[in-house]
Amino acid sequence: MYRQDANELKRVIMQAVSLFGVPKLMVTDKGRMFESSEFVTWVSSLGCELHFITPEMHHANGQVERYVRTVLNMIRIEANHKKQSWSGTLWKLQLVLNITKQKTTQTSALNLLIGTDATTPVIRALVREVAIEDNSPNREALREISRDRARRLLRDNQEAQDSYANRHRRPPREFDVDDLVFVIKTSQSTGKLDSGMRGPYKVIKKLPSGRYTLKLLAGGYGKTTQAAAQFMVPWKGEWCPETCAALFSDDNSDDPGDPNNPVAGPSAPGDSDNPVAGPSAPTPGASTGLSMPMLDSEPETAANPVEDDLPSGEAVLGINPVA
């Protein structure tokens, strides 16, 4: 491909269709050229079903990933060790892959396609077989037998691979529509200190196999994305000063304004002994627990901090001056 757009993609796919026919299913990633309305409409007009894999789930298209890894290893050998141009040797690598027997199917891709094993052009091989043999074998019947056998072997291998990969796997967490989540996207990390979490997103639709359709709460411009449940983390809301202050309140005490309460906390609104709102002063001689504000390295504080002046995530608590 000379460029990545819908027109160039249609040209490449059209060449493959003219040689091998229209496929029943086309599995792609969620690239812009694959998601363009022009390409989707064109593929649908051919009678082909288009399936998009979930981002960050490369094993959803495992056959292509495995094939690409084999091609990359062969290109490295040609380019690094033999010092040849990878573009000039790509045709030879394709020929080697087409005539090599696959470990699972026990036959070559060329045999499954046309029903013959040959390293020479197909027409020359057919002429040679007709000249040597008196009776031409039923090539179509042998090809269908090979395809049925390869289909059965691939299904058995798929079941074996699934059982091996899922032997220690637990069911993923389920989410409901309108849940707020963060998504782990390690491929978009900008540095070592970047957590790789992106969001928050809102779940708008459930998909099969633990997939969900998500929409960004802000800045998404109406565009949706997909994510797997194992990469989704529930989001409970912003970590604001009000929620932080609730962590330091005494939930077990019946009278939060009691000055004998060993746990520091805000006083009761109607307490006449302590009319000023704020943390109650500890009673002399009483055993008081060490609260979080007492951990400050500077014990003397002139004024209480203002909530609007502090960033989100910092608790705002009053501190009594030490007598």
Protein backbone atom coordinates (compact mmCIF):
# COMPACT_ATOMS: atom_id res chain seq x y z
CA MET A 1 0.00 0.00 0.00
CA TYR A 2 1.32 3.41 -0.98
CA ARG A 3 -0.85 5.28 1.52
CA GLN A 4 -3.32 4.45 4.26
CA ASP A 5 -6.74 5.54 3.08
CA ALA A 6 -9.98 3.92 1.92
CA ASN A 7 -9.28 4.18 -1.82
CA GLU A 8 -5.87 2.52 -1.57
CA LEU A 9 -7.30 -0.19 0.68
CA LYS A 10 -10.06 -0.91 -1.82
CA ARG A 11 -7.48 -1.26 -4.59
CA VAL A 12 -5.47 -3.83 -2.63
CA ILE A 13 -8.55 -5.80 -1.55
CA MET A 14 -9.86 -5.77 -5.13
CA GLN A 15 -6.68 -7.43 -6.37
CA ALA A 16 -7.06 -10.21 -3.79
CA VAL A 17 -10.74 -10.65 -4.66
CA SER A 18 -9.95 -10.94 -8.38
CA LEU A 19 -7.50 -13.78 -7.66
CA PHE A 20 -9.17 -15.73 -4.86
CA GLY A 21 -12.80 -14.58 -4.86
CA VAL A 22 -14.89 -12.80 -2.23
CA PRO A 23 -14.23 -14.01 1.33
CA LYS A 24 -17.08 -14.82 3.68
CA LEU A 25 -15.55 -12.98 6.65
CA MET A 26 -12.95 -10.24 6.87
CA VAL A 27 -11.33 -9.67 10.29
CA THR A 28 -9.63 -6.29 10.74
CA ASP A 29 -8.54 -3.94 13.47
CA LYS A 30 -10.27 -0.65 14.20
CA GLY A 31 -8.13 1.48 11.92
CA ARG A 32 -9.66 4.57 10.38
CA MET A 33 -9.49 3.22 6.84
CA PHE A 34 -11.27 0.02 7.89
CA GLU A 35 -13.97 1.93 9.79
CA SER A 36 -14.62 4.45 7.02
CA SER A 37 -18.17 4.39 5.73
CA GLU A 38 -16.93 4.14 2.15
CA PHE A 39 -14.99 0.94 2.78
CA VAL A 40 -17.69 -0.62 4.97
CA THR A 41 -20.34 0.02 2.31
CA TRP A 42 -18.11 -1.39 -0.44
CA VAL A 43 -17.35 -4.58 1.52
CA SER A 44 -21.04 -5.06 2.30
CA SER A 45 -21.90 -4.73 -1.39
CA LEU A 46 -19.55 -7.63 -2.12
CA GLY A 47 -21.48 -9.85 0.30
CA CYS A 48 -18.61 -10.06 2.81
CA GLU A 49 -19.05 -9.74 6.56
CA LEU A 50 -16.72 -7.31 8.33
CA HIS A 51 -15.61 -8.04 11.90
CA PHE A 52 -13.56 -5.60 14.01
CA ILE A 53 -11.32 -6.89 16.79
CA THR A 54 -11.21 -5.16 20.17
CA PRO A 55 -8.28 -2.75 20.73
CA GLU A 56 -5.42 -4.13 22.87
CA MET A 57 -6.69 -7.68 22.19
CA HIS A 58 -4.26 -8.87 19.54
CA HIS A 59 -4.97 -12.53 20.21
CA ALA A 60 -8.50 -11.97 18.93
CA ASN A 61 -6.95 -12.29 15.46
CA GLY A 62 -4.37 -14.87 16.42
CA GLN A 63 -3.97 -16.54 13.02
CA VAL A 64 -2.88 -13.30 11.39
CA GLU A 65 -0.59 -12.39 14.29
CA ARG A 66 1.13 -15.78 14.10
CA TYR A 67 1.54 -15.51 10.32
CA VAL A 68 2.96 -11.99 10.60
CA ARG A 69 5.47 -13.15 13.22
CA THR A 70 6.71 -15.86 10.86
CA VAL A 71 7.06 -13.37 8.00
CA LEU A 72 8.95 -10.91 10.21
CA ASN A 73 11.42 -13.58 11.31
CA MET A 74 12.11 -14.52 7.69
CA ILE A 75 12.56 -10.87 6.71
CA ARG A 76 15.06 -10.37 9.56
CA ILE A 77 17.16 -13.27 8.29
CA GLU A 78 17.19 -11.95 4.73
CA ALA A 79 17.84 -8.32 5.71
CA ASN A 80 20.24 -8.69 8.67
CA HIS A 81 22.24 -11.83 7.90
CA LYS A 82 22.16 -11.98 4.10
CA LYS A 83 22.23 -8.18 3.71
CA GLN A 84 19.47 -8.17 1.11
CA SER A 85 16.62 -5.78 0.56
CA TRP A 86 13.46 -7.09 2.20
CA SER A 87 11.28 -5.70 -0.59
CA GLY A 88 13.32 -7.59 -3.19
CA THR A 89 13.09 -10.94 -1.40
CA LEU A 90 9.44 -10.70 -0.35
CA TRP A 91 8.24 -12.70 -3.37
CA LYS A 92 10.60 -15.55 -2.47
CA LEU A 93 9.39 -15.59 1.11
CA GLN A 94 5.80 -15.75 -0.09
CA LEU A 95 6.62 -18.71 -2.33
CA VAL A 96 8.32 -20.55 0.54
CA LEU A 97 5.31 -20.04 2.78
CA ASN A 98 2.89 -21.20 0.09
CA ILE A 99 4.66 -24.51 -0.58
CA THR A 100 5.64 -25.35 3.03
CA LYS A 101 3.55 -27.91 4.91
CA GLN A 102 1.84 -26.46 7.94
CA LYS A 103 2.36 -28.29 11.23
CA THR A 104 -1.33 -28.54 12.12
CA THR A 105 -2.91 -29.22 8.72
CA GLN A 106 -0.02 -31.39 7.46
CA THR A 107 -0.38 -29.84 4.01
CA SER A 108 0.66 -26.68 2.22
CA ALA A 109 -1.42 -23.62 1.55
CA LEU A 110 -0.97 -24.07 -2.20
CA ASN A 111 -2.35 -27.61 -2.01
CA LEU A 112 -5.44 -26.45 -0.14
CA LEU A 113 -5.98 -23.71 -2.69
CA ILE A 114 -5.52 -25.46 -6.04
CA GLY A 115 -5.04 -29.11 -5.10
CA THR A 116 -1.39 -29.57 -6.08
CA ASP A 117 2.08 -29.29 -4.53
CA ALA A 118 4.57 -27.65 -6.83
CA THR A 119 7.42 -25.17 -6.79
CA THR A 120 7.02 -24.45 -10.48
CA PRO A 121 4.18 -22.47 -12.05
CA VAL A 122 0.83 -24.20 -11.91
CA ILE A 123 0.32 -24.43 -15.70
CA ARG A 124 3.71 -26.08 -16.23
CA ALA A 125 2.99 -28.57 -13.46
CA LEU A 126 -0.38 -29.47 -14.96
CA VAL A 127 1.10 -29.98 -18.46
CA ARG A 128 3.81 -32.22 -17.03
CA GLU A 129 1.34 -34.37 -15.13
CA VAL A 130 -0.89 -34.79 -18.21
CA ALA A 131 2.09 -35.81 -20.34
CA ILE A 132 3.38 -38.36 -17.83
CA GLU A 133 0.18 -39.94 -16.49
CA ASP A 134 -2.35 -41.72 -18.66
CA ASN A 135 -5.35 -40.88 -16.52
CA SER A 136 -5.62 -37.54 -14.81
CA PRO A 137 -6.53 -37.89 -11.12
CA ASN A 138 -9.68 -36.30 -9.79
CA ARG A 139 -8.00 -33.15 -8.53
CA GLU A 140 -11.15 -31.54 -7.21
CA ALA A 141 -12.09 -34.57 -5.11
CA LEU A 142 -8.61 -34.83 -3.61
CA ARG A 143 -8.62 -31.13 -2.86
CA GLU A 144 -11.95 -31.35 -1.03
CA ILE A 145 -10.70 -34.32 0.99
CA SER A 146 -7.61 -32.33 1.97
CA ARG A 147 -9.72 -29.35 2.95
CA ASP A 148 -12.03 -31.42 5.13
CA ARG A 149 -9.05 -33.00 6.87
CA ALA A 150 -7.40 -29.61 7.38
CA ARG A 151 -10.64 -28.17 8.75
CA ARG A 152 -10.94 -31.01 11.26
CA LEU A 153 -7.31 -30.68 12.35
CA LEU A 154 -7.64 -26.92 12.78
CA ARG A 155 -10.75 -27.35 14.92
CA ASP A 156 -9.01 -29.92 17.15
CA ASN A 157 -5.97 -27.68 17.48
CA GLN A 158 -8.16 -24.70 18.37
CA GLU A 159 -9.86 -26.63 21.15
CA ALA A 160 -6.50 -27.79 22.50
CA GLN A 161 -5.08 -24.26 22.43
CA ASP A 162 -8.16 -22.83 24.15
CA SER A 163 -8.04 -25.41 26.94
CA TYR A 164 -4.32 -24.74 27.49
CA ALA A 165 -4.65 -20.95 27.49
CA ASN A 166 -7.74 -20.89 29.74
CA ARG A 167 -6.70 -23.49 32.31
CA HIS A 168 -5.89 -20.84 34.96
CA ARG A 169 -8.16 -18.09 33.68
CA ARG A 170 -10.97 -16.72 35.82
CA PRO A 171 -14.19 -15.26 34.43
CA PRO A 172 -13.80 -11.51 33.84
CA ARG A 173 -15.73 -8.95 35.82
CA GLU A 174 -19.09 -7.95 34.40
CA PHE A 175 -20.19 -4.35 33.94
CA ASP A 176 -23.63 -2.85 33.45
CA VAL A 177 -24.80 -0.15 31.09
CA ASP A 178 -24.08 3.41 32.34
CA ASP A 179 -21.19 2.23 34.54
CA LEU A 180 -18.15 4.52 34.66
CA VAL A 181 -14.80 2.86 34.06
CA PHE A 182 -11.17 3.52 33.27
CA VAL A 183 -9.44 1.51 30.53
CA ILE A 184 -5.86 0.21 30.72
CA LYS A 185 -4.08 1.17 27.49
CA THR A 186 -0.39 0.42 27.97
CA SER A 187 0.34 1.04 24.30
CA GLN A 188 -0.53 4.73 24.79
CA SER A 189 1.77 5.24 27.78
CA THR A 190 4.02 8.29 27.39
CA GLY A 191 6.65 7.38 29.97
CA LYS A 192 7.60 5.30 32.99
CA LEU A 193 5.44 7.39 35.32
CA ASP A 194 2.38 7.10 33.09
CA SER A 195 -0.07 4.58 34.53
CA GLY A 196 -1.56 3.83 31.12
CA MET A 197 -5.09 4.43 32.41
CA ARG A 198 -7.38 6.35 30.06
CA GLY A 199 -10.85 7.66 30.72
CA PRO A 200 -13.26 7.91 32.34
CA TYR A 201 -15.55 6.09 29.92
CA LYS A 202 -19.23 5.27 30.11
CA VAL A 203 -20.50 1.80 29.22
CA ILE A 204 -23.21 2.19 26.59
CA LYS A 205 -23.57 -1.36 25.26
CA LYS A 206 -22.68 -4.95 26.16
CA LEU A 207 -21.01 -7.14 23.53
CA PRO A 208 -20.39 -10.90 23.42
CA SER A 209 -17.27 -12.52 24.92
CA GLY A 210 -16.79 -9.93 27.67
CA ARG A 211 -16.51 -6.90 25.35
CA TYR A 212 -18.13 -3.52 25.88
CA THR A 213 -18.82 -0.44 23.81
CA LEU A 214 -17.59 2.68 25.62
CA LYS A 215 -17.94 6.40 25.17
CA LEU A 216 -15.61 9.02 26.58
CA LEU A 217 -17.32 11.32 29.05
CA ALA A 218 -15.54 14.46 27.83
CA GLY A 219 -13.84 15.27 24.55
CA GLY A 220 -15.02 12.17 22.68
CA TYR A 221 -17.14 14.11 20.15
CA GLY A 222 -19.65 11.25 20.07
CA LYS A 223 -17.12 8.61 18.96
CA THR A 224 -17.27 5.21 20.64
CA THR A 225 -14.64 2.56 21.26
CA GLN A 226 -14.50 -1.02 22.48
CA ALA A 227 -12.64 -2.63 25.36
CA ALA A 228 -12.36 -6.02 27.01
CA ALA A 229 -13.46 -6.57 30.59
CA GLN A 230 -9.97 -7.58 31.77
CA PHE A 231 -8.68 -4.11 30.80
CA MET A 232 -11.52 -2.19 32.48
CA VAL A 233 -11.41 -0.81 36.02
CA PRO A 234 -14.53 0.63 37.73
CA TRP A 235 -14.44 4.34 38.53
CA LYS A 236 -16.24 5.50 41.69
CA GLY A 237 -15.94 9.23 41.10
CA GLU A 238 -13.51 12.09 41.70
CA TRP A 239 -11.31 12.00 44.82
CA CYS A 240 -12.40 15.38 46.20
CA PRO A 241 -11.77 17.03 49.62
CA GLU A 242 -15.27 16.14 50.84
CA THR A 243 -14.77 12.43 50.30
CA CYS A 244 -11.32 12.58 51.89
CA ALA A 245 -12.67 14.34 54.99
CA ALA A 246 -15.20 11.57 55.46
CA LEU A 247 -12.35 9.10 55.99
CA PHE A 248 -11.29 10.89 59.19
CA SER A 249 -14.77 11.09 60.76
CA ASP A 250 -15.76 8.72 63.58
CA ASP A 251 -18.48 6.43 62.25
CA ASN A 252 -18.58 4.20 65.37
CA SER A 253 -19.25 6.88 67.97
CA ASP A 254 -22.84 7.59 69.05
CA ASP A 255 -22.05 11.19 70.06
CA PRO A 256 -19.51 12.75 67.68
CA GLY A 257 -19.45 15.95 69.78
CA ASP A 258 -18.39 14.19 72.98
CA PRO A 259 -15.08 15.74 74.13
CA ASN A 260 -14.12 12.45 75.81
CA ASN A 261 -14.23 10.68 72.48
CA PRO A 262 -10.69 9.36 71.94
CA VAL A 263 -11.02 9.67 68.18
CA ALA A 264 -10.64 13.16 66.75
CA GLY A 265 -13.61 14.36 64.75
CA PRO A 266 -15.93 17.30 64.13
CA SER A 267 -18.08 18.50 67.01
CA ALA A 268 -21.87 18.24 67.12
CA PRO A 269 -23.77 21.18 65.60
CA GLY A 270 -25.80 21.89 68.77
CA ASP A 271 -23.04 21.60 71.37
CA SER A 272 -23.19 24.64 73.68
CA ASP A 273 -19.76 23.99 75.19
CA ASN A 274 -18.11 24.19 71.82
CA PRO A 275 -20.14 26.64 69.72
CA VAL A 276 -17.47 27.05 67.04
CA ALA A 277 -17.61 24.43 64.27
CA GLY A 278 -14.45 22.41 64.00
CA PRO A 279 -12.61 19.50 65.60
CA SER A 280 -13.20 19.13 69.32
CA ALA A 281 -10.31 19.79 71.65
CA PRO A 282 -8.96 16.77 73.54
CA THR A 283 -9.63 16.55 77.27
CA PRO A 284 -6.50 16.90 79.43
CA GLY A 285 -5.39 13.57 80.76
CA ALA A 286 -7.52 11.59 78.33
CA SER A 287 -5.90 9.14 75.98
CA THR A 288 -6.39 10.55 72.52
CA GLY A 289 -5.50 8.78 69.30
CA LEU A 290 -3.10 10.39 66.88
CA SER A 291 -5.07 11.90 64.03
CA MET A 292 -3.75 12.64 60.57
CA PRO A 293 -3.34 16.42 61.06
CA MET A 294 -0.98 15.77 64.03
CA LEU A 295 1.46 14.11 61.67
CA ASP A 296 2.39 17.47 60.16
CA SER A 297 6.02 18.40 60.66
CA GLU A 298 5.06 21.98 61.58
CA PRO A 299 2.69 21.89 64.59
CA GLU A 300 1.76 25.60 64.51
CA THR A 301 -0.80 26.61 61.91
CA ALA A 302 -2.05 30.17 61.66
CA ALA A 303 -5.20 29.61 59.62
CA ASN A 304 -7.23 26.83 58.14
CA PRO A 305 -6.64 26.09 54.45
CA VAL A 306 -9.26 27.07 51.94
CA GLU A 307 -10.89 24.33 49.89
CA ASP A 308 -10.85 26.30 46.66
CA ASP A 309 -7.10 26.85 46.89
CA LEU A 310 -6.25 23.15 47.08
CA PRO A 311 -6.16 20.73 44.15
CA SER A 312 -8.57 17.81 43.98
CA GLY A 313 -7.54 14.84 46.07
CA GLU A 314 -6.26 16.66 49.17
CA ALA A 315 -8.29 16.46 52.37
CA VAL A 316 -9.24 19.74 54.03
CA LEU A 317 -9.23 19.44 57.81
CA GLY A 318 -8.96 22.04 60.51
CA ILE A 319 -5.99 21.84 62.84
CA ASN A 320 -6.16 23.00 66.45
CA PRO A 321 -3.09 24.87 67.61
CA VAL A 322 -1.04 23.02 70.16
CA ALA A 323 -1.29 24.60 73.61
